[in-house]
Amino acid sequence: MRPDASEVVLVRHGETEWSRELKHTGRTDVPLTDQGRLQARDVAAALHGRQFALVLTSPLGRATETCGLAGFGDAAEQRDELREWDYGAYEGRTTSEIRQEIPGWTVWRGDVLEGETIDDVAARVDRVIAELRATQGDALLFAHGHVLRVLAARWLGLEPQAGALFALDPATLSALGYERETSVVRLWNRRV
């Protein structure tokens, strides 16, 4: 059983040109915009004074830069498991563009041509969750929209497709934790 105060704080990276345009941005290392850098500094202000036993970041530049600008770069450990979903042939394309070829397509229910399956993503985040549950104290993660949504679903014991229910904007704070022995969402998609 974990104490009620133990939290896992999630930060989606700041704005990029592709996130602003709603393009699937998996493995392409698109940099933060000036607005994204400002957002990361706002995260720093929101987390000022917080102490974390573990700080993890995706190795992709938009996440590591957000982490650094938020003031946690020196403490962060990179985890490949926190990379964004590999969108394969859909990289750099919007859902609307993909739906012109595959009506009704969604990353949550459709196939990702030449990319990762949702079960692949879930297996990666399950490894991170195991590490988080073994950590004594609060943890802080910097990563990407879809991978963090899958992580939230898996934290709650849900199928990875339930990540569709957790909209997540750039440079927002979310927190997972416990109510007694039950894994819960404590905060979601709060703009800073």
Protein backbone atom coordinates (compact mmCIF):
# COMPACT_ATOMS: atom_id res chain seq x y z
CA MET A 1 0.00 0.00 0.00
CA ARG A 2 1.28 3.48 -0.91
CA PRO A 3 0.67 6.68 1.09
CA ASP A 4 -2.08 8.95 -0.24
CA ALA A 5 0.41 11.79 -0.74
CA SER A 6 2.61 9.85 -3.19
CA GLU A 7 2.16 11.31 -6.68
CA VAL A 8 3.37 10.85 -10.21
CA VAL A 9 3.29 14.23 -11.95
CA LEU A 10 3.04 14.11 -15.74
CA VAL A 11 4.13 16.95 -18.01
CA ARG A 12 3.46 16.89 -21.72
CA HIS A 13 6.15 18.82 -23.60
CA GLY A 14 5.54 22.39 -24.74
CA GLU A 15 4.12 23.39 -28.09
CA THR A 16 5.83 22.43 -31.34
CA GLU A 17 4.81 23.46 -34.85
CA TRP A 18 3.43 19.96 -35.40
CA SER A 19 1.49 19.83 -32.14
CA ARG A 20 -0.03 23.21 -33.00
CA GLU A 21 -1.06 21.81 -36.42
CA LEU A 22 -2.38 18.56 -34.84
CA LYS A 23 0.10 16.41 -36.76
CA HIS A 24 1.07 13.00 -35.40
CA THR A 25 4.55 13.61 -34.02
CA GLY A 26 6.15 10.36 -32.96
CA ARG A 27 9.83 9.84 -33.60
CA THR A 28 10.46 13.02 -35.60
CA ASP A 29 12.32 15.34 -33.27
CA VAL A 30 10.39 18.56 -33.88
CA PRO A 31 11.71 21.38 -31.65
CA LEU A 32 9.70 23.54 -29.30
CA THR A 33 8.33 26.80 -30.65
CA ASP A 34 9.01 30.05 -28.81
CA GLN A 35 5.56 29.59 -27.26
CA GLY A 36 6.54 26.06 -26.22
CA ARG A 37 9.62 27.42 -24.44
CA LEU A 38 7.48 29.97 -22.60
CA GLN A 39 5.10 27.19 -21.61
CA ALA A 40 8.00 25.13 -20.24
CA ARG A 41 9.08 28.09 -18.10
CA ASP A 42 5.50 28.31 -16.81
CA VAL A 43 5.80 24.66 -15.79
CA ALA A 44 8.91 25.64 -13.83
CA ALA A 45 6.92 28.24 -11.91
CA ALA A 46 4.09 25.80 -11.23
CA LEU A 47 6.47 23.15 -9.88
CA HIS A 48 8.74 25.56 -7.99
CA GLY A 49 9.74 24.09 -4.65
CA ARG A 50 8.52 20.57 -5.39
CA GLN A 51 10.91 17.73 -4.60
CA PHE A 52 10.85 14.48 -6.57
CA ALA A 53 12.50 11.17 -5.75
CA LEU A 54 12.58 10.30 -9.46
CA VAL A 55 12.53 12.48 -12.59
CA LEU A 56 12.21 10.75 -15.97
CA THR A 57 12.09 12.15 -19.48
CA SER A 58 11.67 10.91 -22.99
CA PRO A 59 14.97 11.22 -24.87
CA LEU A 60 13.32 13.27 -27.64
CA GLY A 61 14.42 16.90 -27.70
CA ARG A 62 11.00 18.48 -27.20
CA ALA A 63 10.59 16.58 -23.91
CA THR A 64 14.16 17.02 -22.67
CA GLU A 65 14.09 20.75 -23.48
CA THR A 66 10.79 21.14 -21.62
CA CYS A 67 12.32 19.25 -18.69
CA GLY A 68 15.41 21.47 -18.70
CA LEU A 69 13.47 24.74 -19.00
CA ALA A 70 11.21 23.57 -16.18
CA GLY A 71 14.30 23.27 -13.98
CA PHE A 72 14.65 19.50 -13.75
CA GLY A 73 17.20 18.74 -16.48
CA ASP A 74 20.03 17.96 -14.07
CA ALA A 75 17.94 15.46 -12.12
CA ALA A 76 16.31 13.75 -15.10
CA GLU A 77 17.01 10.25 -16.33
CA GLN A 78 16.08 9.42 -19.93
CA ARG A 79 13.82 6.45 -20.64
CA ASP A 80 13.28 5.14 -24.16
CA GLU A 81 9.98 3.74 -22.90
CA LEU A 82 8.67 7.33 -22.70
CA ARG A 83 9.23 8.05 -26.41
CA GLU A 84 6.06 8.94 -28.25
CA TRP A 85 4.13 6.31 -30.18
CA ASP A 86 5.85 5.32 -33.44
CA TYR A 87 3.24 6.43 -36.00
CA GLY A 88 5.03 4.81 -38.94
CA ALA A 89 3.49 5.89 -42.24
CA TYR A 90 1.20 8.33 -40.39
CA GLU A 91 4.07 10.41 -39.00
CA GLY A 92 3.57 14.11 -39.73
CA ARG A 93 -0.04 13.62 -40.83
CA THR A 94 -3.22 14.77 -39.14
CA THR A 95 -6.11 12.46 -38.28
CA SER A 96 -8.22 14.34 -40.87
CA GLU A 97 -5.67 13.58 -43.59
CA ILE A 98 -5.53 9.89 -42.64
CA ARG A 99 -9.34 9.70 -42.60
CA GLN A 100 -9.43 10.76 -46.23
CA GLU A 101 -7.92 7.33 -46.97
CA ILE A 102 -9.37 5.37 -44.03
CA PRO A 103 -12.75 6.80 -42.95
CA GLY A 104 -13.27 6.82 -39.19
CA TRP A 105 -9.63 5.99 -38.43
CA THR A 106 -8.31 6.73 -34.95
CA VAL A 107 -4.94 5.89 -33.44
CA TRP A 108 -6.82 4.27 -30.53
CA ARG A 109 -8.70 1.69 -32.60
CA GLY A 110 -7.03 1.55 -36.00
CA ASP A 111 -3.88 -0.01 -37.33
CA VAL A 112 -0.77 2.16 -37.49
CA LEU A 113 0.81 1.26 -40.82
CA GLU A 114 4.55 0.54 -40.37
CA GLY A 115 4.38 1.78 -36.76
CA GLU A 116 3.76 0.50 -33.26
CA THR A 117 0.60 -1.21 -32.11
CA ILE A 118 -1.20 0.12 -29.08
CA ASP A 119 -0.12 -3.03 -27.24
CA ASP A 120 3.53 -2.19 -28.02
CA VAL A 121 3.05 1.23 -26.43
CA ALA A 122 1.27 -0.31 -23.44
CA ALA A 123 4.13 -2.76 -22.87
CA ARG A 124 6.60 0.14 -22.77
CA VAL A 125 4.59 2.19 -20.29
CA ASP A 126 3.92 -0.86 -18.11
CA ARG A 127 7.70 -1.05 -17.55
CA VAL A 128 7.74 2.61 -16.48
CA ILE A 129 4.78 2.06 -14.17
CA ALA A 130 6.59 -0.83 -12.48
CA GLU A 131 9.53 1.50 -11.83
CA LEU A 132 7.22 4.23 -10.52
CA ARG A 133 5.44 1.86 -8.13
CA ALA A 134 8.83 0.79 -6.73
CA THR A 135 9.87 4.41 -6.08
CA GLN A 136 9.52 5.81 -2.59
CA GLY A 137 8.32 9.38 -2.95
CA ASP A 138 6.91 11.52 -5.73
CA ALA A 139 7.98 11.16 -9.35
CA LEU A 140 7.96 13.57 -12.30
CA LEU A 141 7.71 12.55 -15.97
CA PHE A 142 8.24 14.63 -19.12
CA ALA A 143 6.92 12.98 -22.26
CA HIS A 144 4.33 13.16 -25.05
CA GLY A 145 0.57 13.26 -25.47
CA HIS A 146 -0.34 9.76 -26.58
CA VAL A 147 2.24 7.85 -24.55
CA LEU A 148 1.18 9.71 -21.38
CA ARG A 149 -2.49 8.99 -22.12
CA VAL A 150 -1.72 5.27 -22.46
CA LEU A 151 0.30 5.47 -19.24
CA ALA A 152 -2.66 7.02 -17.40
CA ALA A 153 -4.99 4.28 -18.62
CA ARG A 154 -2.58 1.54 -17.61
CA TRP A 155 -1.96 3.21 -14.20
CA LEU A 156 -5.69 2.81 -13.56
CA GLY A 157 -5.65 -0.82 -14.69
CA LEU A 158 -7.56 -0.06 -17.89
CA GLU A 159 -6.94 -1.30 -21.41
CA PRO A 160 -4.59 1.02 -23.32
CA GLN A 161 -7.43 2.10 -25.63
CA ALA A 162 -8.93 3.94 -22.65
CA GLY A 163 -6.21 6.54 -23.19
CA ALA A 164 -8.63 8.00 -25.73
CA LEU A 165 -10.64 9.33 -22.77
CA PHE A 166 -7.78 11.52 -21.47
CA ALA A 167 -7.33 14.61 -23.66
CA LEU A 168 -3.90 16.11 -23.00
CA ASP A 169 -2.72 19.52 -24.19
CA PRO A 170 0.91 20.70 -24.51
CA ALA A 171 2.67 21.91 -21.35
CA THR A 172 -0.06 20.82 -18.97
CA LEU A 173 0.26 19.20 -15.57
CA SER A 174 -1.46 15.98 -14.60
CA ALA A 175 -1.01 13.82 -11.52
CA LEU A 176 -1.58 10.17 -10.81
CA GLY A 177 -1.62 8.79 -7.31
CA TYR A 178 -3.46 6.65 -4.83
CA GLU A 179 -6.54 6.76 -2.68
CA ARG A 180 -5.60 4.23 -0.06
CA GLU A 181 -4.57 1.22 -2.23
CA THR A 182 -6.50 2.29 -5.34
CA SER A 183 -4.65 3.94 -8.25
CA VAL A 184 -6.39 7.19 -9.18
CA VAL A 185 -6.12 10.34 -11.28
CA ARG A 186 -5.54 13.26 -8.90
CA LEU A 187 -5.28 16.03 -11.52
CA TRP A 188 -5.64 16.08 -15.28
CA ASN A 189 -4.65 18.45 -18.10
CA ARG A 190 -4.23 21.57 -15.95
CA ARG A 191 -2.84 24.51 -17.86
CA VAL A 192 -0.14 26.41 -16.00
